[in-house]
Amino acid sequence: MFNNRNYNRTFFNAPQSVTSFVAAFLEPAITVLTYLAVAAWFDEPIQRASMTLCLLVFALTFPGRNRFVDRKLEAAVDITTSWVSMLAILGLCGYATNSLYFFDSRVVLTWAALTPALQWVAVLIGRGIIHHRSNLPQARRRAIVVGAGPLGGKVARALQSNSDFTTEFVGYFDDRTDSRVLPEAVSMRLGGLRDVANYVYAHGIHEVYITLPLGSQPRIVQLLEAVQGTTASLYFVPDVFGISIIQGRLQDMNGVPVVGICETPFTGTNALVKRVSDIILAAIILVLISPILLAVAIGVKLSSPGPIIFKQKRNGLDGEEIIVYKFRSMRVMDNGAVVKQATKGDPRITRFGAFIRKTSLDELPQFINVLQGRMSIVGPRPHAVAHNEEYRRLIKAYMVRHKVKPGITGWAQVNGYRGETETLDKMQARVEYDLEYLRNWSLALDLQIIVRTVRVMVFDRNAY
């Protein structure tokens, strides 16, 4: 039923970080735009020779180097040497083709002086933005290392010297005696392997790095099964190809090879693409459906006493509690520690509520949640907080679905698992589809799910 063909492919295709993506275009863009600005300043027309120069410079400088993590002096030296080399190449090309006379010497000299200065200023601004974002509370990532041997020590030091400034190393977990672990790890040991899952859950740990030897495979498997009941990202050093992978990626962290085992697909540029597409699509859809929203709101108000919008508590990204909007479809609104799923013929549902539930019109206010950043258009459907507490103990890797923002629609919903999940098997199948979505995410898959959702809304009658 589920497709595993992308496991090996995704393992070696880590998404590019946002800073690297920006740096790739920043250097060539500054170089070309500076030339055009200087030419305009001196009233020099942009003719064929200037356009050729701009295209050549863009090709030679793309992709730009990521200097945001370099020291200021190192970045300045690197920019200067790279630019001098670039000018030498352009000079040789101009001399060889006898085309230097096409360019105004004032433009060329001013461009040659301004470009490295502007690139350095851009690096300083970028560094400032990175430092500012890393100091925000929501940017901090707390990490632990399982295994206090030499490899665990290397990972801990790499975490502490991480160039993105956002990772906070908390401590080690190891079953061995003090004499068998690193001396510096003794004072930072937080417990044994059996304590990892509870500690992660209780202290909001975001990342778990497992550095146990491959000979400890049974203990590793037990540990993975326990920690997958949390929302922490899991990494094994150096490899663990025999275990089911969720967005596994081979990464290099300050010279230490790290394999991600259970990770969100929405990191780096993937996160940027996902968020931009959510904002654009949600804004367009809200404008198009505004008459429908008004009509449904009037229908809800006339159907029974109570508010038009029902605010539900749900678990969002990393398991954090969020508020989700729906059009009210029931007379009684359960939102506490015990929540009974709606069933066919449920007496709590109004006649108009039954209609908007069958057609999924009750979900339309969640496009506002998308604009707020609480949800995505496509993703695992959010379950009641009470249901999460129940099913996380019964279904393996259930909480992994919270590695991404919940969605208005999802891969499970367009594959027949929409509405009531009255049996454990149905919930298990829904979770499996959610995990398959995490393994195989792409923007094309999101668009496919959106299109299929429209068809499901018209023809499916599984929602109550």
Protein backbone atom coordinates (compact mmCIF):
# COMPACT_ATOMS: atom_id res chain seq x y z
CA MET A 1 0.00 0.00 0.00
CA PHE A 2 2.81 2.41 0.79
CA ASN A 3 5.60 3.52 -1.46
CA ASN A 4 9.19 3.17 -0.23
CA ARG A 5 10.92 3.86 -3.54
CA ASN A 6 12.23 7.25 -2.40
CA TYR A 7 14.01 6.13 0.76
CA ASN A 8 17.52 5.85 -0.66
CA ARG A 9 17.08 8.85 -2.95
CA THR A 10 16.01 11.19 -0.15
CA PHE A 11 18.82 10.04 2.08
CA PHE A 12 21.38 11.88 0.01
CA ASN A 13 19.34 14.91 -1.02
CA ALA A 14 19.38 17.23 1.97
CA PRO A 15 17.56 20.48 1.25
CA GLN A 16 19.70 23.53 0.77
CA SER A 17 19.62 25.94 3.72
CA VAL A 18 17.90 29.30 3.24
CA THR A 19 21.18 31.16 3.90
CA SER A 20 23.00 29.13 1.23
CA PHE A 21 20.14 29.72 -1.20
CA VAL A 22 20.25 33.47 -0.58
CA ALA A 23 24.05 33.55 -0.82
CA ALA A 24 23.93 31.69 -4.14
CA PHE A 25 22.03 34.57 -5.77
CA LEU A 26 23.23 37.46 -3.61
CA GLU A 27 26.78 37.77 -4.94
CA PRO A 28 25.91 37.65 -8.67
CA ALA A 29 22.88 39.90 -8.12
CA ILE A 30 24.91 42.57 -6.30
CA THR A 31 27.61 42.43 -8.96
CA VAL A 32 25.20 42.87 -11.86
CA LEU A 33 22.92 45.42 -10.19
CA THR A 34 25.90 47.53 -9.10
CA TYR A 35 27.11 47.73 -12.68
CA LEU A 36 23.67 48.72 -13.94
CA ALA A 37 23.31 51.35 -11.19
CA VAL A 38 26.73 52.85 -11.89
CA ALA A 39 26.04 52.93 -15.64
CA ALA A 40 22.77 54.74 -14.97
CA TRP A 41 24.56 57.21 -12.67
CA PHE A 42 26.97 58.16 -15.45
CA ASP A 43 24.17 58.16 -18.06
CA GLU A 44 25.86 55.31 -19.88
CA PRO A 45 23.36 53.42 -22.11
CA ILE A 46 22.98 49.67 -21.57
CA GLN A 47 23.91 48.28 -24.95
CA ARG A 48 24.79 44.82 -26.23
CA ALA A 49 28.31 44.89 -24.78
CA SER A 50 27.06 45.81 -21.30
CA MET A 51 24.37 43.11 -21.39
CA THR A 52 26.96 40.56 -22.46
CA LEU A 53 29.21 41.62 -19.59
CA CYS A 54 26.34 41.27 -17.09
CA LEU A 55 25.48 37.78 -18.34
CA LEU A 56 29.13 36.73 -18.22
CA VAL A 57 29.59 38.09 -14.69
CA PHE A 58 26.42 36.38 -13.46
CA ALA A 59 27.55 33.06 -14.93
CA LEU A 60 31.04 33.35 -13.40
CA THR A 61 29.81 34.34 -9.93
CA PHE A 62 26.85 31.96 -9.64
CA PRO A 63 26.39 30.33 -7.22
CA GLY A 64 27.75 32.82 -4.72
CA ARG A 65 29.65 31.60 -1.69
CA ASN A 66 27.93 31.54 1.71
CA ARG A 67 30.06 33.95 3.76
CA PHE A 68 27.47 34.65 6.46
CA VAL A 69 29.15 32.18 8.82
CA ASP A 70 32.69 33.49 8.21
CA ARG A 71 34.47 35.94 10.46
CA LYS A 72 34.24 39.53 9.29
CA LEU A 73 37.92 39.83 8.34
CA GLU A 74 37.94 36.46 6.60
CA ALA A 75 34.85 37.44 4.62
CA ALA A 76 36.44 40.75 3.59
CA VAL A 77 39.65 39.05 2.44
CA ASP A 78 37.75 36.35 0.56
CA ILE A 79 35.51 38.91 -1.19
CA THR A 80 38.51 41.03 -2.20
CA THR A 81 40.60 38.16 -3.56
CA SER A 82 37.64 36.68 -5.44
CA TRP A 83 36.78 40.05 -6.96
CA VAL A 84 40.36 40.79 -8.01
CA SER A 85 40.49 37.39 -9.69
CA MET A 86 37.19 38.12 -11.42
CA LEU A 87 38.47 41.49 -12.71
CA ALA A 88 41.64 39.83 -13.99
CA ILE A 89 39.58 37.27 -15.92
CA LEU A 90 37.32 39.96 -17.37
CA GLY A 91 40.34 42.09 -18.29
CA LEU A 92 42.00 39.19 -20.11
CA CYS A 93 38.74 38.41 -21.96
CA GLY A 94 38.36 42.08 -22.94
CA TYR A 95 41.95 42.29 -24.13
CA ALA A 96 41.73 39.01 -26.08
CA THR A 97 38.52 40.07 -27.83
CA ASN A 98 39.60 43.69 -28.28
CA SER A 99 36.36 44.83 -26.62
CA LEU A 100 37.63 47.03 -23.75
CA TYR A 101 36.88 50.20 -25.70
CA PHE A 102 33.11 49.39 -25.52
CA PHE A 103 33.06 50.36 -21.82
CA ASP A 104 33.35 53.76 -20.16
CA SER A 105 36.41 53.76 -17.90
CA ARG A 106 34.54 55.78 -15.21
CA VAL A 107 31.83 53.13 -15.05
CA VAL A 108 34.28 50.26 -14.88
CA LEU A 109 36.49 51.82 -12.18
CA THR A 110 33.55 52.86 -10.01
CA TRP A 111 31.97 49.42 -10.42
CA ALA A 112 35.26 47.75 -9.53
CA ALA A 113 35.52 49.77 -6.31
CA LEU A 114 31.89 49.60 -5.19
CA THR A 115 31.11 45.93 -5.82
CA PRO A 116 33.33 44.34 -3.11
CA ALA A 117 32.30 47.01 -0.60
CA LEU A 118 28.60 46.35 -1.20
CA GLN A 119 29.13 42.60 -1.02
CA TRP A 120 30.83 42.98 2.35
CA VAL A 121 28.02 45.20 3.62
CA ALA A 122 25.51 42.56 2.48
CA VAL A 123 27.44 39.90 4.41
CA LEU A 124 27.41 42.07 7.54
CA ILE A 125 23.65 42.61 7.21
CA GLY A 126 23.12 38.89 6.65
CA ARG A 127 25.20 38.02 9.72
CA GLY A 128 23.19 40.49 11.78
CA ILE A 129 19.90 38.95 10.64
CA ILE A 130 21.15 35.44 11.42
CA HIS A 131 22.32 36.48 14.89
CA HIS A 132 19.02 38.24 15.56
CA ARG A 133 16.96 35.24 14.49
CA SER A 134 19.14 32.84 16.47
CA ASN A 135 18.48 34.83 19.64
CA LEU A 136 14.70 34.49 19.29
CA PRO A 137 13.26 31.96 21.79
CA GLN A 138 11.47 30.00 19.05
CA ALA A 139 14.73 29.58 17.12
CA ARG A 140 16.54 27.78 19.94
CA ARG A 141 16.94 24.02 19.41
CA ARG A 142 17.78 21.92 22.51
CA ALA A 143 19.82 18.79 21.77
CA ILE A 144 21.03 15.74 23.67
CA VAL A 145 23.59 13.06 22.78
CA VAL A 146 22.97 9.38 23.50
CA GLY A 147 26.37 7.75 24.07
CA ALA A 148 29.16 9.42 26.02
CA GLY A 149 32.08 7.83 24.19
CA PRO A 150 34.62 9.48 21.87
CA LEU A 151 32.11 9.79 19.02
CA GLY A 152 29.53 11.29 21.37
CA GLY A 153 32.11 13.83 22.51
CA LYS A 154 32.81 14.85 18.90
CA VAL A 155 29.11 15.34 18.24
CA ALA A 156 28.69 17.37 21.43
CA ARG A 157 31.61 19.65 20.52
CA ALA A 158 30.24 20.04 16.99
CA LEU A 159 26.86 21.03 18.43
CA GLN A 160 28.46 23.57 20.76
CA SER A 161 30.42 25.13 17.90
CA ASN A 162 27.56 24.98 15.39
CA SER A 163 27.77 27.98 13.08
CA ASP A 164 24.03 28.71 13.04
CA PHE A 165 24.14 29.70 16.75
CA THR A 166 20.72 28.15 17.43
CA THR A 167 21.60 24.77 18.98
CA GLU A 168 21.88 24.36 22.74
CA PHE A 169 23.65 21.17 23.85
CA VAL A 170 21.97 19.92 27.05
CA GLY A 171 23.84 16.75 28.01
CA TYR A 172 24.54 13.03 27.57
CA PHE A 173 22.68 9.78 28.18
CA ASP A 174 24.68 6.58 28.71
CA ASP A 175 24.30 3.33 30.66
CA ARG A 176 28.01 2.82 31.26
CA THR A 177 29.88 3.59 34.47
CA ASP A 178 31.84 6.82 34.91
CA SER A 179 35.14 5.06 34.20
CA ARG A 180 33.93 4.02 30.71
CA VAL A 181 32.71 7.40 29.46
CA LEU A 182 34.51 10.60 28.58
CA PRO A 183 35.73 12.53 31.65
CA GLU A 184 34.00 15.71 30.49
CA ALA A 185 30.74 13.79 30.06
CA VAL A 186 30.48 12.63 33.68
CA SER A 187 29.17 15.93 34.99
CA MET A 188 26.82 16.35 32.03
CA ARG A 189 25.24 12.89 32.11
CA LEU A 190 21.46 13.16 32.50
CA GLY A 191 20.61 9.46 32.82
CA GLY A 192 20.58 6.12 31.06
CA LEU A 193 19.01 4.96 27.81
CA ARG A 194 15.70 4.15 29.50
CA ASP A 195 15.43 7.76 30.63
CA VAL A 196 15.82 9.33 27.17
CA ALA A 197 12.20 9.27 25.95
CA ASN A 198 10.75 10.62 29.21
CA TYR A 199 13.40 13.36 29.37
CA VAL A 200 12.78 14.39 25.76
CA TYR A 201 9.04 14.53 26.35
CA ALA A 202 9.28 16.39 29.68
CA HIS A 203 11.94 18.96 28.73
CA GLY A 204 10.99 19.81 25.15
CA ILE A 205 14.14 18.40 23.51
CA HIS A 206 14.16 19.07 19.75
CA GLU A 207 17.08 16.90 18.57
CA VAL A 208 18.46 13.54 19.70
CA TYR A 209 21.87 12.38 18.41
CA ILE A 210 22.51 8.65 18.85
CA THR A 211 26.22 7.73 18.89
CA LEU A 212 26.01 4.15 20.17
CA PRO A 213 28.15 1.52 18.37
CA LEU A 214 26.47 -0.64 15.74
CA GLY A 215 26.93 -3.62 18.04
CA SER A 216 24.24 -2.10 20.25
CA GLN A 217 21.58 -2.48 17.56
CA PRO A 218 18.87 -4.04 19.81
CA ARG A 219 19.24 -1.18 22.31
CA ILE A 220 19.22 1.33 19.45
CA VAL A 221 15.97 -0.09 18.05
CA GLN A 222 14.34 0.04 21.50
CA LEU A 223 15.53 3.61 21.97
CA LEU A 224 14.22 4.69 18.55
CA GLU A 225 10.81 3.14 19.21
CA ALA A 226 10.60 4.99 22.54
CA VAL A 227 11.76 8.39 21.27
CA GLN A 228 9.54 8.24 18.16
CA GLY A 229 6.67 8.77 20.58
CA THR A 230 7.90 12.38 20.88
CA THR A 231 8.31 15.17 18.32
CA ALA A 232 12.12 15.33 18.57
CA SER A 233 14.22 15.02 15.42
CA LEU A 234 16.38 11.89 15.57
CA TYR A 235 19.92 11.50 14.19
CA PHE A 236 22.24 8.51 14.19
CA VAL A 237 26.00 8.84 13.87
CA PRO A 238 27.35 7.55 11.50
CA ASP A 239 24.63 5.36 9.88
CA VAL A 240 21.51 3.29 10.52
CA PHE A 241 20.24 2.20 7.10
CA GLY A 242 18.46 -0.85 8.48
CA ILE A 243 15.78 1.23 10.22
CA SER A 244 12.66 2.78 8.67
CA ILE A 245 13.52 6.29 7.57
CA ILE A 246 11.41 9.49 7.67
CA GLN A 247 13.14 12.11 5.49
CA GLY A 248 16.58 10.61 6.20
CA ARG A 249 19.47 12.78 5.11
CA LEU A 250 23.23 12.46 5.21
CA GLN A 251 24.62 15.68 6.67
CA ASP A 252 28.02 17.10 7.57
CA MET A 253 28.18 18.96 10.88
CA ASN A 254 31.59 20.57 11.35
CA GLY A 255 33.33 17.49 9.93
CA VAL A 256 31.20 14.94 11.79
CA PRO A 257 28.98 12.78 9.49
CA VAL A 258 25.39 12.70 10.77
CA VAL A 259 22.47 10.73 9.34
CA GLY A 260 19.01 12.12 10.03
CA ILE A 261 16.53 9.35 10.81
CA CYS A 262 13.31 11.15 11.61
CA GLU A 263 13.22 14.70 10.27
CA THR A 264 10.74 17.17 8.85
CA PRO A 265 10.84 17.67 5.06
CA PHE A 266 10.30 21.40 5.59
CA THR A 267 13.79 22.67 6.32
CA GLY A 268 15.91 25.16 4.40
CA THR A 269 14.48 26.16 1.04
CA ASN A 270 11.75 23.51 1.32
CA ALA A 271 10.33 25.43 4.30
CA LEU A 272 10.45 28.66 2.30
CA VAL A 273 8.69 27.08 -0.70
CA LYS A 274 6.03 25.53 1.54
CA ARG A 275 5.30 28.76 3.42
CA VAL A 276 5.22 30.98 0.31
CA SER A 277 2.91 28.57 -1.52
CA ASP A 278 0.64 28.38 1.54
CA ILE A 279 0.35 32.16 1.79
CA ILE A 280 -0.30 32.69 -1.93
CA LEU A 281 -2.82 29.85 -2.29
CA ALA A 282 -4.62 30.64 0.98
CA ALA A 283 -4.98 34.31 0.08
CA ILE A 284 -6.33 33.50 -3.40
CA ILE A 285 -8.73 30.85 -2.07
CA LEU A 286 -10.07 33.13 0.68
CA VAL A 287 -10.87 35.82 -1.87
CA LEU A 288 -12.61 33.31 -4.15
CA ILE A 289 -14.65 31.64 -1.40
CA SER A 290 -15.61 34.80 0.51
CA PRO A 291 -19.27 34.59 -0.69
CA ILE A 292 -19.40 30.95 0.46
CA LEU A 293 -17.93 31.90 3.85
CA LEU A 294 -20.64 34.52 4.31
CA ALA A 295 -23.43 32.12 3.28
CA VAL A 296 -22.20 29.35 5.60
CA ALA A 297 -21.81 31.81 8.48
CA ILE A 298 -25.45 32.90 8.07
CA GLY A 299 -26.56 29.26 7.88
CA VAL A 300 -24.73 28.35 11.09
CA LYS A 301 -26.20 31.33 12.93
CA LEU A 302 -29.74 30.44 11.87
CA SER A 303 -29.36 26.69 12.51
CA SER A 304 -28.99 26.81 16.32
CA PRO A 305 -27.98 29.13 19.15
CA GLY A 306 -24.27 29.63 19.67
CA PRO A 307 -21.17 31.12 18.05
CA ILE A 308 -20.53 30.86 14.32
CA ILE A 309 -16.89 29.81 14.74
CA PHE A 310 -15.84 26.90 16.93
CA LYS A 311 -12.29 27.27 18.27
CA GLN A 312 -10.64 23.88 18.78
CA LYS A 313 -7.49 23.04 20.70
CA ARG A 314 -5.19 20.94 18.57
CA ASN A 315 -1.53 19.92 18.52
CA GLY A 316 0.46 21.69 15.83
CA LEU A 317 4.11 21.75 14.77
CA ASP A 318 6.37 19.93 17.26
CA GLY A 319 3.29 19.01 19.28
CA GLU A 320 2.65 22.56 20.50
CA GLU A 321 -0.97 23.41 21.27
CA ILE A 322 -2.68 25.67 18.72
CA ILE A 323 -6.18 27.06 18.16
CA VAL A 324 -7.93 25.87 14.98
CA TYR A 325 -11.06 27.48 13.53
CA LYS A 326 -14.11 25.64 12.17
CA PHE A 327 -17.69 26.59 11.42
CA ARG A 328 -19.77 25.24 14.30
CA SER A 329 -21.73 22.15 13.23
CA MET A 330 -22.84 20.83 16.64
CA ARG A 331 -25.07 21.99 19.45
CA VAL A 332 -22.55 20.68 22.02
CA MET A 333 -18.87 21.55 21.56
CA ASP A 334 -16.47 19.05 23.20
CA ASN A 335 -12.98 20.46 23.56
CA GLY A 336 -11.72 19.07 26.85
CA ALA A 337 -9.77 16.10 28.16
CA VAL A 338 -12.29 13.63 26.68
CA VAL A 339 -13.51 14.22 23.12
CA LYS A 340 -16.00 11.89 21.42
CA GLN A 341 -15.60 11.67 17.66
CA ALA A 342 -18.64 12.50 15.55
CA THR A 343 -20.45 9.45 14.22
CA LYS A 344 -23.17 8.82 11.63
CA GLY A 345 -26.50 10.09 12.95
CA ASP A 346 -24.81 11.86 15.87
CA PRO A 347 -27.59 13.76 17.73
CA ARG A 348 -25.16 16.60 18.58
CA ILE A 349 -24.92 17.60 14.90
CA THR A 350 -27.43 20.10 13.53
CA ARG A 351 -29.14 19.51 10.19
CA PHE A 352 -27.13 22.33 8.60
CA GLY A 353 -24.03 21.09 10.44
CA ALA A 354 -24.40 17.67 8.81
CA PHE A 355 -24.42 19.33 5.39
CA ILE A 356 -21.30 21.43 5.94
CA ARG A 357 -19.46 18.44 7.48
CA LYS A 358 -20.24 16.16 4.52
CA THR A 359 -19.04 18.83 2.08
CA SER A 360 -16.10 19.92 4.32
CA LEU A 361 -17.41 23.47 4.26
CA ASP A 362 -16.94 23.55 8.06
CA GLU A 363 -13.17 23.46 7.47
CA LEU A 364 -13.00 26.62 5.34
CA PRO A 365 -12.12 29.04 8.20
CA GLN A 366 -8.85 27.13 8.57
CA PHE A 367 -7.47 29.05 5.59
CA ILE A 368 -7.20 31.90 8.11
CA ASN A 369 -5.11 29.56 10.29
CA VAL A 370 -2.86 29.02 7.27
CA LEU A 371 -2.25 32.76 6.89
CA GLN A 372 -1.55 32.93 10.64
CA GLY A 373 1.16 30.29 10.22
CA ARG A 374 -0.53 27.73 12.50
CA MET A 375 -1.46 25.35 9.69
CA SER A 376 -0.64 24.45 6.08
CA ILE A 377 -3.10 23.82 3.28
CA VAL A 378 -1.75 20.26 2.93
CA GLY A 379 -0.51 18.20 5.85
CA PRO A 380 -1.65 15.64 8.42
CA ARG A 381 -5.10 16.54 9.76
CA PRO A 382 -4.97 17.86 13.35
CA HIS A 383 -6.52 15.56 15.94
CA ALA A 384 -7.99 16.57 19.28
CA VAL A 385 -5.38 16.88 22.05
CA ALA A 386 -7.16 14.11 23.97
CA HIS A 387 -6.92 11.79 20.95
CA ASN A 388 -3.20 12.45 20.59
CA GLU A 389 -2.59 11.47 24.21
CA GLU A 390 -4.52 8.25 23.60
CA TYR A 391 -3.08 7.19 20.25
CA ARG A 392 0.57 8.14 20.85
CA ARG A 393 0.70 5.15 23.25
CA LEU A 394 -1.04 2.76 20.87
CA ILE A 395 0.43 3.55 17.42
CA LYS A 396 4.14 3.41 16.68
CA ALA A 397 5.61 6.75 15.49
CA TYR A 398 2.20 8.43 15.87
CA MET A 399 3.70 11.75 17.02
CA VAL A 400 6.04 11.91 14.01
CA ARG A 401 3.10 13.38 12.08
CA HIS A 402 3.61 16.51 14.20
CA LYS A 403 7.01 17.14 12.59
CA VAL A 404 5.07 19.38 10.17
CA LYS A 405 2.22 21.85 10.51
CA PRO A 406 -1.22 20.24 10.40
CA GLY A 407 -3.15 20.65 7.17
CA ILE A 408 -6.67 21.44 6.01
CA THR A 409 -6.41 18.37 3.82
CA GLY A 410 -3.87 15.57 3.56
CA TRP A 411 -2.66 12.44 1.82
CA ALA A 412 -4.75 10.21 4.12
CA GLN A 413 -7.93 12.18 3.43
CA VAL A 414 -7.71 11.83 -0.35
CA ASN A 415 -7.00 8.11 0.03
CA GLY A 416 -10.23 7.30 1.83
CA TYR A 417 -9.35 8.02 5.47
CA ARG A 418 -11.51 11.09 5.98
CA GLY A 419 -13.97 11.58 8.80
CA GLU A 420 -14.53 9.12 11.64
CA THR A 421 -11.78 6.63 12.58
CA GLU A 422 -13.83 4.34 14.79
CA THR A 423 -11.21 1.55 14.94
CA LEU A 424 -7.54 1.47 15.82
CA ASP A 425 -6.77 -0.06 12.41
CA LYS A 426 -8.28 2.94 10.63
CA MET A 427 -6.28 5.37 12.71
CA GLN A 428 -3.15 3.28 12.07
CA ALA A 429 -3.79 3.46 8.32
CA ARG A 430 -4.33 7.23 8.50
CA VAL A 431 -1.03 7.66 10.34
CA GLU A 432 0.76 5.47 7.78
CA TYR A 433 -0.48 7.71 4.97
CA ASP A 434 0.64 10.77 6.93
CA LEU A 435 4.12 9.28 7.32
CA GLU A 436 4.23 8.42 3.62
CA TYR A 437 3.47 12.09 2.88
CA LEU A 438 6.41 13.13 5.06
CA ARG A 439 8.74 10.74 3.23
CA ASN A 440 7.72 11.80 -0.26
CA TRP A 441 6.76 15.47 0.05
CA SER A 442 7.07 17.76 -2.95
CA LEU A 443 5.22 20.85 -4.11
CA ALA A 444 3.78 18.76 -6.96
CA LEU A 445 2.39 16.27 -4.42
CA ASP A 446 0.75 19.14 -2.51
CA LEU A 447 -0.93 20.39 -5.68
CA GLN A 448 -2.08 16.85 -6.53
CA ILE A 449 -3.66 16.50 -3.07
CA ILE A 450 -5.44 19.86 -3.42
CA VAL A 451 -6.95 18.83 -6.76
CA ARG A 452 -8.03 15.43 -5.42
CA THR A 453 -9.52 17.10 -2.35
CA VAL A 454 -11.95 19.06 -4.51
CA ARG A 455 -13.20 15.80 -6.00
CA VAL A 456 -13.48 14.17 -2.58
CA MET A 457 -15.51 17.14 -1.25
CA VAL A 458 -18.05 16.64 -4.05
CA PHE A 459 -18.37 12.85 -4.12
CA ASP A 460 -17.22 11.48 -0.74
CA ARG A 461 -19.71 10.98 2.11
CA ASN A 462 -17.47 9.54 4.85
CA ALA A 463 -17.45 12.64 7.04
CA TYR A 464 -20.12 12.94 9.69
